[in-house]
Protein backbone atom coordinates (compact mmCIF):
# COMPACT_ATOMS: atom_id res chain seq x y z
CA MET A 1 74.35 129.52 133.45
CA PRO A 2 75.47 126.71 131.36
CA THR A 3 75.26 123.40 133.37
CA ARG A 4 78.79 122.57 132.76
CA LEU A 5 79.60 126.15 134.42
CA VAL A 6 77.39 125.31 137.28
CA CYS A 7 78.89 122.06 137.69
CA ILE A 8 82.43 123.47 137.91
CA ALA A 9 81.16 126.27 140.33
CA CYS A 10 79.94 123.63 142.64
CA LEU A 11 83.18 121.71 142.56
CA LEU A 12 84.79 124.74 143.36
CA LEU A 13 82.96 125.86 146.45
CA PHE A 14 83.23 122.10 147.61
CA LEU A 15 87.19 122.19 147.15
CA TYR A 16 87.42 125.63 148.84
CA ALA A 17 85.67 124.11 151.91
CA ALA A 18 87.87 121.08 151.81
CA VAL A 19 90.80 122.82 152.17
CA ASP A 20 89.63 125.54 154.61
CA ALA A 21 92.70 126.25 156.61
CA ALA A 22 90.87 126.57 160.12
CA GLY A 23 90.96 122.21 159.88
CA GLU A 24 86.93 122.08 160.86
CA GLU A 25 85.03 118.97 160.04
CA ARG A 26 83.27 119.37 156.48
CA SER A 27 80.39 117.52 155.48
CA ALA A 28 80.07 115.51 152.49
CA PRO A 29 78.58 117.27 149.38
CA THR A 30 74.81 116.43 148.51
CA ALA A 31 73.43 114.06 146.50
CA GLU A 32 72.51 116.82 144.08
CA GLN A 33 76.35 117.69 143.57
CA ILE A 34 77.40 114.38 142.98
CA LYS A 35 74.86 113.82 140.61
CA ALA A 36 75.81 116.90 138.74
CA TRP A 37 79.66 116.11 138.87
CA ARG A 38 78.85 112.58 137.64
CA ALA A 39 76.76 114.26 134.83
CA GLU A 40 80.09 116.05 133.53
CA GLY A 41 82.11 112.87 133.16
CA PRO A 42 85.63 112.11 133.71
CA ALA A 43 86.65 115.67 134.04
CA ALA A 44 85.19 116.10 137.41
CA VAL A 45 87.10 112.92 138.45
CA ASP A 46 90.43 114.51 137.14
CA ARG A 47 89.80 117.91 138.85
CA LEU A 48 89.27 116.11 141.93
CA MET A 49 92.06 113.76 141.71
CA ALA A 50 94.08 117.05 141.51
CA GLU A 51 92.97 118.59 144.47
CA CYS A 52 93.16 115.28 146.42
CA ALA A 53 96.94 115.24 145.33
CA LYS A 54 97.16 118.62 147.21
CA LEU A 55 95.58 117.69 150.27
CA ILE A 56 97.42 114.50 150.87
CA ALA A 57 100.82 116.81 150.22
CA ALA A 58 99.37 118.85 152.89
CA ALA A 59 98.54 116.32 155.36
CA GLU A 60 102.22 114.74 154.77
CA LYS A 61 103.93 117.83 155.40
CA VAL A 62 104.35 117.57 159.38
CA PRO A 63 107.40 119.93 160.65
CA GLY A 64 109.89 118.33 162.60
CA LYS A 65 108.53 114.57 162.00
CA GLU A 66 110.65 112.22 159.66
CA ARG A 67 108.95 109.49 158.03
CA TYR A 68 110.66 106.15 156.59
CA THR A 69 107.53 103.66 156.63
CA LEU A 70 103.97 103.93 156.25
CA ALA A 71 103.40 103.43 159.84
CA ASP A 72 105.31 106.63 160.60
CA LYS A 73 102.95 108.68 158.54
CA PHE A 74 100.07 107.94 161.03
CA VAL A 75 101.83 107.48 164.53
CA ILE A 76 101.24 109.94 167.16
CA GLN A 77 98.73 112.07 165.37
CA ASN A 78 97.78 115.68 166.72
CA GLU A 79 94.63 117.52 166.04
CA ALA A 80 96.13 119.26 162.84
CA GLU A 81 97.43 116.07 161.16
CA ARG A 82 93.61 114.11 162.19
CA SER A 83 91.95 117.10 160.61
CA ALA A 84 93.97 117.44 157.60
CA TRP A 85 93.42 113.56 156.69
CA LYS A 86 89.69 113.92 157.47
CA ARG A 87 89.66 116.63 154.87
CA VAL A 88 91.36 113.86 152.79
CA GLN A 89 88.82 111.44 153.37
CA VAL A 90 86.08 113.50 152.50
CA ILE A 91 87.40 114.26 149.07
CA ASN A 92 87.96 110.71 148.41
CA ASP A 93 84.70 109.32 148.94
CA THR A 94 83.23 111.89 146.93
CA ILE A 95 85.56 110.69 144.11
CA ASP A 96 84.29 107.54 144.72
CA ALA A 97 80.98 108.66 144.46
CA VAL A 98 81.15 110.65 141.39
CA ALA A 99 83.27 107.71 139.58
CA ARG A 100 81.05 104.95 141.06
CA ALA A 101 83.57 102.75 141.85
CA LYS A 102 85.44 102.07 145.35
CA TYR A 103 89.17 103.37 145.37
CA SER A 104 88.78 105.26 142.36
CA HIS A 105 90.35 107.85 144.74
CA GLU A 106 93.31 105.43 144.23
CA SER A 107 92.89 105.09 140.22
CA GLY A 108 91.21 108.32 139.26
CA LEU A 109 89.28 106.20 136.99
CA TYR A 110 85.47 107.16 135.86
CA TRP A 111 83.00 104.25 135.14
CA TYR A 112 79.98 104.61 133.04
CA THR A 113 76.97 102.84 134.39
CA ASP A 114 74.74 103.15 131.36
CA GLU A 115 76.38 100.91 128.71
CA ALA A 116 74.55 102.41 126.00
CA GLU A 117 76.15 106.09 126.89
CA ALA A 118 79.37 104.76 127.51
CA MET A 119 79.27 103.33 123.62
CA ARG A 120 78.07 106.64 122.53
CA VAL A 121 80.79 108.77 124.04
CA ALA A 122 83.37 106.12 123.05
CA LYS A 123 82.07 106.84 119.40
CA GLU A 124 82.38 110.55 120.04
CA LEU A 125 86.20 110.19 120.96
CA GLY A 126 87.36 107.52 118.95
CA LYS A 127 88.07 105.16 121.63
CA PRO A 128 87.21 101.62 122.61
CA VAL A 129 85.55 100.37 125.45
CA LEU A 130 86.50 98.39 128.41
CA ALA A 131 83.27 96.58 129.65
CA LEU A 132 83.34 95.06 132.96
CA ARG A 133 80.89 92.38 134.08
CA LEU A 134 81.09 91.51 137.73
CA LEU A 135 78.81 90.20 140.47
CA GLY A 136 77.55 92.92 142.73
CA ASN A 137 78.52 96.28 142.37
CA LEU A 138 81.80 98.21 141.63
CA ASP A 139 80.72 100.94 144.00
CA GLU A 140 79.92 98.65 146.84
CA GLU A 141 82.60 97.35 149.51
CA LEU A 142 81.53 93.80 148.96
CA SER A 143 81.51 93.42 144.93
CA CYS A 144 83.11 90.02 144.16
CA ALA A 145 86.44 88.88 144.95
CA ASN A 146 87.76 89.32 141.38
CA SER A 147 86.59 93.06 141.16
CA ARG A 148 87.72 93.76 144.57
CA TYR A 149 91.46 92.76 143.60
CA PHE A 150 91.04 94.87 140.36
CA ARG A 151 90.33 98.19 142.33
CA ILE A 152 93.38 97.28 144.78
CA LEU A 153 95.91 95.49 142.53
CA LEU A 154 95.11 96.37 138.70
CA TYR A 155 93.41 99.91 138.35
CA PRO A 156 95.53 101.79 140.74
CA ASP A 157 98.74 100.75 139.30
CA GLU A 158 100.36 103.44 137.35
CA SER A 159 100.94 102.19 133.93
CA VAL A 160 97.57 100.26 133.99
CA ARG A 161 95.64 103.26 135.26
CA LYS A 162 97.05 105.65 132.29
CA LEU A 163 96.42 103.39 129.55
CA LEU A 164 92.46 103.10 131.03
CA HIS A 165 92.24 106.70 131.68
CA ASP A 166 93.91 107.77 128.43
CA LYS A 167 92.85 105.20 125.77
CA PHE A 168 89.30 103.73 126.84
CA VAL A 169 85.95 104.56 127.79
CA LEU A 170 85.14 102.28 131.01
CA THR A 171 81.55 101.11 131.95
CA TRP A 172 80.52 98.42 134.43
CA LYS A 173 77.66 96.39 134.83
CA SER A 174 76.36 93.96 137.48
CA VAL A 175 75.59 90.32 136.29
CA ARG A 176 73.86 89.54 139.74
CA PRO A 177 73.83 90.16 143.28
CA VAL A 178 77.12 88.77 144.75
CA PRO A 179 76.20 85.50 147.16
CA LYS A 180 77.57 86.65 150.74
CA ILE A 181 77.69 84.51 153.84
CA THR A 182 77.20 85.86 157.50
CA ILE A 183 79.09 84.19 160.43
CA ASP A 184 76.93 85.27 163.68
CA PHE A 185 79.28 84.94 167.01
CA GLY A 186 75.92 85.32 169.33
CA ASP A 187 77.46 88.27 171.04
CA GLY A 188 76.84 91.13 168.62
CA ARG A 189 79.89 90.48 166.23
CA LYS A 190 79.08 89.26 162.98
CA VAL A 191 81.32 88.35 159.77
CA GLU A 192 79.93 89.19 156.46
CA ARG A 193 82.13 87.89 153.45
CA THR A 194 81.47 87.21 149.74
CA ILE A 195 81.65 83.51 148.81
CA THR A 196 81.81 83.38 145.43
CA GLY A 197 82.05 85.36 142.12
CA ASN A 198 84.34 86.16 139.26
CA SER A 199 84.53 89.23 136.65
CA VAL A 200 85.24 89.61 133.09
CA HIS A 201 86.79 92.47 131.08
CA TYR A 202 85.70 93.23 127.59
CA VAL A 203 87.40 95.07 124.98
CA MET A 204 85.10 96.49 122.49
CA LEU A 205 84.30 98.74 119.35
CA PRO A 206 81.73 101.61 119.85
CA ASP A 207 79.63 99.49 117.56
CA GLY A 208 79.64 96.48 120.06
CA GLN A 209 82.03 94.39 118.04
CA ILE A 210 84.32 92.46 120.79
CA VAL A 211 87.85 92.68 120.53
CA ASP A 212 89.06 90.64 123.05
CA VAL A 213 88.33 88.86 126.49
CA PHE A 214 90.20 88.67 129.66
CA PRO A 215 87.88 86.37 132.30
CA GLY A 216 89.11 86.69 135.67
CA LEU A 217 91.87 87.89 137.75
CA TYR A 218 95.04 89.17 136.10
CA GLY A 219 98.57 90.26 137.30
CA PRO A 220 99.15 94.16 136.16
CA LYS A 221 101.90 93.48 133.74
CA PRO A 222 100.28 90.82 131.66
CA PHE A 223 96.59 92.89 131.92
CA LEU A 224 98.76 96.00 130.59
CA GLN A 225 100.40 94.00 127.54
CA ARG A 226 96.93 92.53 126.37
CA LEU A 227 95.20 95.68 127.09
CA LYS A 228 97.80 97.59 124.87
CA SER A 229 97.65 94.62 122.38
CA ALA A 230 93.76 94.92 122.10
CA ALA A 231 93.67 98.82 121.96
CA THR A 232 96.17 98.79 119.26
CA ALA A 233 93.87 96.06 117.29
CA ALA A 234 90.63 98.38 118.06
CA ASP A 235 92.55 101.05 116.33
CA ARG A 236 93.56 99.47 113.31
CA ALA A 237 89.71 97.84 113.08
CA SER A 238 87.90 101.52 113.56
CA LYS A 239 90.12 102.44 110.37
CA ALA A 240 89.74 99.63 108.22
CA ALA A 241 87.41 98.72 105.57
CA ASP A 242 86.37 95.73 107.14
CA ALA A 243 86.44 95.56 110.74
CA ALA A 244 85.30 92.22 111.42
CA ALA A 245 88.10 90.79 109.21
CA GLU A 246 90.55 92.67 110.99
CA LEU A 247 89.45 91.56 114.32
CA VAL A 248 89.55 87.88 113.04
CA ALA A 249 93.42 88.10 112.09
CA TYR A 250 93.95 89.78 115.61
CA ARG A 251 92.48 86.89 117.54
CA SER A 252 94.21 84.60 115.15
CA GLN A 253 97.27 85.94 115.78
CA GLN A 254 96.70 85.90 119.78
CA LEU A 255 95.76 82.28 119.64
CA THR A 256 99.31 81.91 118.07
CA VAL A 257 100.92 83.68 120.63
CA LEU A 258 99.07 81.45 123.12
CA LYS A 259 100.12 78.19 121.88
CA SER A 260 103.88 79.20 121.58
CA ALA A 261 103.61 79.87 125.37
CA TRP A 262 101.71 77.15 126.23
CA ASP A 263 104.38 74.88 124.45
CA ALA A 264 107.10 76.62 126.05
CA ASP A 265 105.65 75.70 129.59
CA VAL A 266 104.73 72.28 129.22
CA SER A 267 108.10 71.53 127.89
CA LYS A 268 109.56 73.33 130.73
CA TYR A 269 107.45 71.82 133.08
CA LEU A 270 108.13 68.19 131.78
CA GLU A 271 111.88 68.57 131.84
CA GLN A 272 111.59 69.52 135.47
CA GLN A 273 109.39 66.68 136.15
CA ARG A 274 111.64 64.54 134.13
CA GLN A 275 108.60 63.27 132.16
CA PRO A 276 109.28 61.37 128.86
CA GLN A 277 105.66 61.51 127.98
CA LYS A 278 104.38 63.04 125.03
CA PRO A 279 103.48 66.63 126.06
CA TRP A 280 99.52 67.86 126.03
CA THR A 281 98.63 69.06 122.64
CA PHE A 282 96.95 72.79 123.01
CA ASP A 283 94.19 71.73 120.69
CA LYS A 284 92.81 69.39 123.55
CA VAL A 285 93.16 72.26 126.23
CA GLY A 286 89.72 73.38 127.10
CA TYR A 287 88.51 74.95 130.55
CA ALA A 288 89.14 71.72 132.05
CA PRO A 289 92.51 70.81 130.78
CA PRO A 290 94.34 67.59 131.05
CA ALA A 291 97.46 68.93 132.57
CA PRO A 292 98.01 67.86 136.30
CA GLN A 293 96.95 70.01 138.87
CA ASP A 294 100.38 71.09 139.90
CA PHE A 295 101.33 71.89 136.46
CA TRP A 296 99.62 75.39 137.13
CA THR A 297 101.20 76.10 140.37
CA THR A 298 104.46 75.03 139.11
CA ALA A 299 104.11 76.73 135.43
CA ALA A 300 103.04 79.93 137.29
CA ASP A 301 106.56 80.25 138.65
CA PHE A 302 108.10 80.39 135.29
CA HIS A 303 106.18 83.97 135.13
CA PRO A 304 107.16 85.88 138.37
CA GLU A 305 106.19 89.02 136.16
CA TYR A 306 102.60 88.03 136.71
CA ALA A 307 102.82 88.86 140.08
CA GLU A 308 104.82 92.32 139.97
CA LEU A 309 102.71 95.16 141.82
CA GLY A 310 103.19 98.70 141.16
CA LYS A 311 103.98 101.45 143.84
CA ALA A 312 100.63 102.79 144.35
CA SER A 313 99.03 99.35 144.65
CA ARG A 314 101.90 97.98 146.97
CA GLU A 315 101.23 100.96 149.06
CA LEU A 316 97.66 100.48 148.87
CA VAL A 317 97.70 96.88 150.08
CA GLN A 318 100.49 97.98 152.88
CA LEU A 319 97.97 100.43 154.34
CA GLU A 320 95.06 98.10 154.19
CA ALA A 321 97.02 95.34 155.64
CA LEU A 322 97.74 97.48 158.75
CA VAL A 323 94.34 98.99 159.15
CA GLY A 324 92.73 95.46 158.48
CA LEU A 325 94.87 93.16 160.38
CA TYR A 326 95.56 95.31 163.46
CA SER A 327 91.93 97.15 163.74
CA ARG A 328 89.37 95.89 166.36
CA VAL A 329 91.39 92.59 167.31
CA TYR A 330 91.45 91.96 170.91
CA PRO A 331 90.39 93.91 173.96
CA GLY A 332 93.07 94.94 176.56
CA HIS A 333 95.52 96.40 174.02
CA GLU A 334 96.54 99.77 173.97
CA HIS A 335 95.55 101.33 170.67
CA HIS A 336 96.29 104.58 168.81
CA ARG A 337 93.26 105.92 167.06
CA VAL A 338 94.47 107.37 163.75
CA ALA A 339 92.90 109.21 160.86
CA THR A 340 93.69 108.09 157.37
CA LYS A 341 92.34 108.90 154.13
CA HIS A 342 90.23 105.84 154.03
CA GLY A 343 88.88 107.10 157.47
CA ASP A 344 89.52 106.38 161.41
CA ARG A 345 91.23 103.23 162.35
CA LEU A 346 92.11 101.87 165.85
CA ILE A 347 95.72 100.06 165.53
CA PRO A 348 97.32 98.70 168.79
CA LYS A 349 100.55 100.05 169.52
CA MET A 350 102.16 96.50 169.18
CA SER A 351 101.91 96.88 165.25
CA TRP A 352 104.30 99.86 164.95
CA VAL A 353 107.30 97.88 165.62
CA LYS A 354 110.06 98.82 163.58
CA GLY A 355 109.65 97.45 160.25
CA GLY A 356 106.40 95.98 161.42
CA ASP A 357 104.50 97.27 158.36
CA GLU A 358 107.08 95.92 156.19
CA ALA A 359 106.80 92.46 157.58
CA ILE A 360 102.82 92.38 157.53
CA LEU A 361 103.22 93.42 153.69
CA GLY A 362 105.42 90.89 153.02
CA MET A 363 103.00 88.15 154.39
CA LEU A 364 100.29 89.56 152.62
CA LEU A 365 102.21 89.59 149.42
CA GLY A 366 103.21 85.92 150.11
CA CYS A 367 99.75 85.18 149.82
CA VAL A 368 98.74 87.25 147.01
CA THR A 369 101.56 86.56 144.61
CA PRO A 370 101.04 82.85 143.99
CA ALA A 371 97.20 83.50 143.08
CA LEU A 372 98.03 86.35 140.77
CA GLN A 373 100.61 84.23 138.93
CA THR A 374 98.55 80.88 139.02
CA ASP A 375 95.06 82.55 137.96
CA THR A 376 96.93 84.73 134.94
CA LEU A 377 98.22 81.68 133.81
CA PHE A 378 95.12 79.88 133.94
CA ASN A 379 92.73 82.38 132.77
CA GLU A 380 94.93 82.76 129.88
CA TYR A 381 95.41 79.27 128.76
CA CYS A 382 91.89 78.39 129.30
CA GLY A 383 89.44 80.95 129.76
CA ARG A 384 90.78 83.89 127.45
CA ARG A 385 91.62 80.88 124.97
CA TRP A 386 88.26 79.54 124.98
CA ALA A 387 86.55 83.21 124.59
CA LEU A 388 88.92 84.00 121.44
CA GLN A 389 87.71 80.75 119.76
CA TRP A 390 84.21 81.54 120.59
CA LEU A 391 84.49 84.85 118.93
CA ASP A 392 85.36 83.16 116.05
CA HIS A 393 82.76 80.37 115.94
CA SER A 394 79.95 82.46 116.76
CA PRO A 395 80.29 85.66 114.36
CA GLY A 396 77.80 88.30 114.98
CA GLN A 397 76.73 87.40 118.58
CA SER A 398 76.12 89.54 121.34
CA LEU A 399 78.21 90.56 124.29
CA GLU A 400 75.13 89.27 126.52
CA GLU A 401 75.18 85.98 124.64
CA LEU A 402 79.21 85.67 125.14
CA ASN A 403 78.81 86.79 128.70
CA ARG A 404 76.40 83.98 129.28
CA ASP A 405 78.66 81.25 128.24
CA VAL A 406 81.68 82.58 129.80
CA TYR A 407 79.88 82.41 133.11
CA ASP A 408 78.51 78.97 132.10
CA THR A 409 81.55 77.53 130.79
CA VAL A 410 84.66 79.43 132.31
CA PHE A 411 83.48 80.35 135.72
CA GLY A 412 81.16 77.30 136.12
CA TYR A 413 77.67 78.35 136.94
CA HIS A 414 75.12 80.01 134.46
CA PRO A 415 74.17 83.59 135.62
CA ASP A 416 70.63 82.69 135.81
CA ASP A 417 71.60 79.95 138.55
CA PRO A 418 69.62 81.00 141.41
CA TRP A 419 72.56 79.41 143.60
CA ALA A 420 75.19 80.85 141.84
CA GLY A 421 77.08 77.41 141.37
CA LEU A 422 76.88 76.41 145.07
CA SER A 423 74.53 73.76 144.74
CA ARG A 424 76.66 71.63 142.29
CA LEU A 425 76.21 67.81 143.19
CA GLU A 426 80.19 66.93 142.65
CA SER A 427 80.58 68.52 146.23
CA LEU A 428 79.94 66.35 149.34
CA THR A 429 78.76 68.86 152.14
CA ALA A 430 77.51 66.38 154.85
CA LEU A 431 74.04 68.14 154.70
CA PRO A 432 70.91 66.54 154.24
CA LYS A 433 69.34 66.33 150.31
CA ASP A 434 68.45 69.70 150.37
CA ARG A 435 72.14 70.18 150.63
CA GLY A 436 71.48 73.08 152.96
CA LEU A 437 69.83 75.55 150.20
CA ILE A 438 66.60 76.86 151.57
CA ASP A 439 64.92 78.98 149.13
CA ALA A 440 63.49 82.50 150.65
CA SER A 441 60.13 81.52 149.56
CA GLN A 442 60.34 78.32 151.42
CA ARG A 443 61.92 79.66 154.65
CA ALA A 444 58.92 82.16 154.69
CA ALA A 445 56.31 79.48 154.28
CA ALA A 446 58.03 77.17 156.66
CA LYS A 447 57.68 80.22 159.51
CA ASP A 448 54.12 80.67 158.47
CA ASN A 449 53.66 77.15 159.23
CA GLU A 450 55.49 77.63 162.43
CA ASN A 451 53.26 80.42 163.59
CA ALA A 452 50.06 78.74 162.68
CA ARG A 453 50.82 75.83 164.62
CA GLU A 454 51.61 78.09 167.78
CA LEU A 455 48.21 79.85 167.32
CA ASP A 456 46.56 76.49 167.15
């Protein structure tokens, strides 16, 4: 039997088990099954997403229970509901494993981890490539902060998802492990978080020529607009007699657009601040611009569209807000154990007040919105502008060379820096001269010396 038919047969057997009306818990597919579906590419994810939608629809059909808020979907679950959501969880985990990205069950996007293979497929399909560089791995819970935002705020957005799914071949590659910090409370409880990390998207032709660069975090709407422009430019370049010249013209046009937008924002800021001084010239803006710090937060408010989230992203933030904020907080509270598509959660009953989930969503969006607006503005005027100029001043350079310079200049630390920029001397840590930086080999040597002294 051909490999493709074997893959489809395995998939159908798994899906049949997943939707078994008996409601029994089913084990996850084997590593061999995941490997076979992954080899099939985006088509396997598309079929899994279609079946997942059916399972979610079935899980949400509860006779006699009206549902108005997200909380209402999960409160007071019976065993049939729990079993239904567990089946959803199994297929969601499967989608993420096949797609090699967390939350791909929300976006339906398949990611290649072999960039050469992605280029080959892109050439075969006549599509551009969207290459993501990040700290950590996209299929890990604790990848860098930028990439975690992408998975929740960008990729699930319906318009962004459709454009990426239909018009691009996606690939990701880790630049280095993501730095993490662990806080040990001494009683068995630990907090583990990442402490730095940036990501960057590159739009490329299948032959490796770079079309555009989007460093750091963008809001869904501006990200979509820039991606559309880049996709159109890539299509023109692929059909042109001189692709390089076509890309130079595109980048020149984008720099002109950026300059016009910069001039408008600066003028509006100065008018608002009633400052008669001469506006800063765009030519002098690098990644350390002369504009005062409050310019970025003030000018960000000129662009509320930068922080607009689609329905899918808002619902995902809302659900994760509920289960994240109210899971495992304080002992003594009465809890509901509920099954969600992201697994079992313990949620205190105190969170199920009328409109409670909406209030939590509002609180979180109050934190996310300013960051999306400011980051998008800064990344456009500084990071992206710098990268577009770099491409025109360094023709023929590779993605790896550009990526090293993006991390070094735009993000502020070289990818080869073992401390990922955390040893920079301009910050005061009130630590001794080693600034609290201890190499693993130094730590091991110190431990060996300590053990030797004890033996003596």
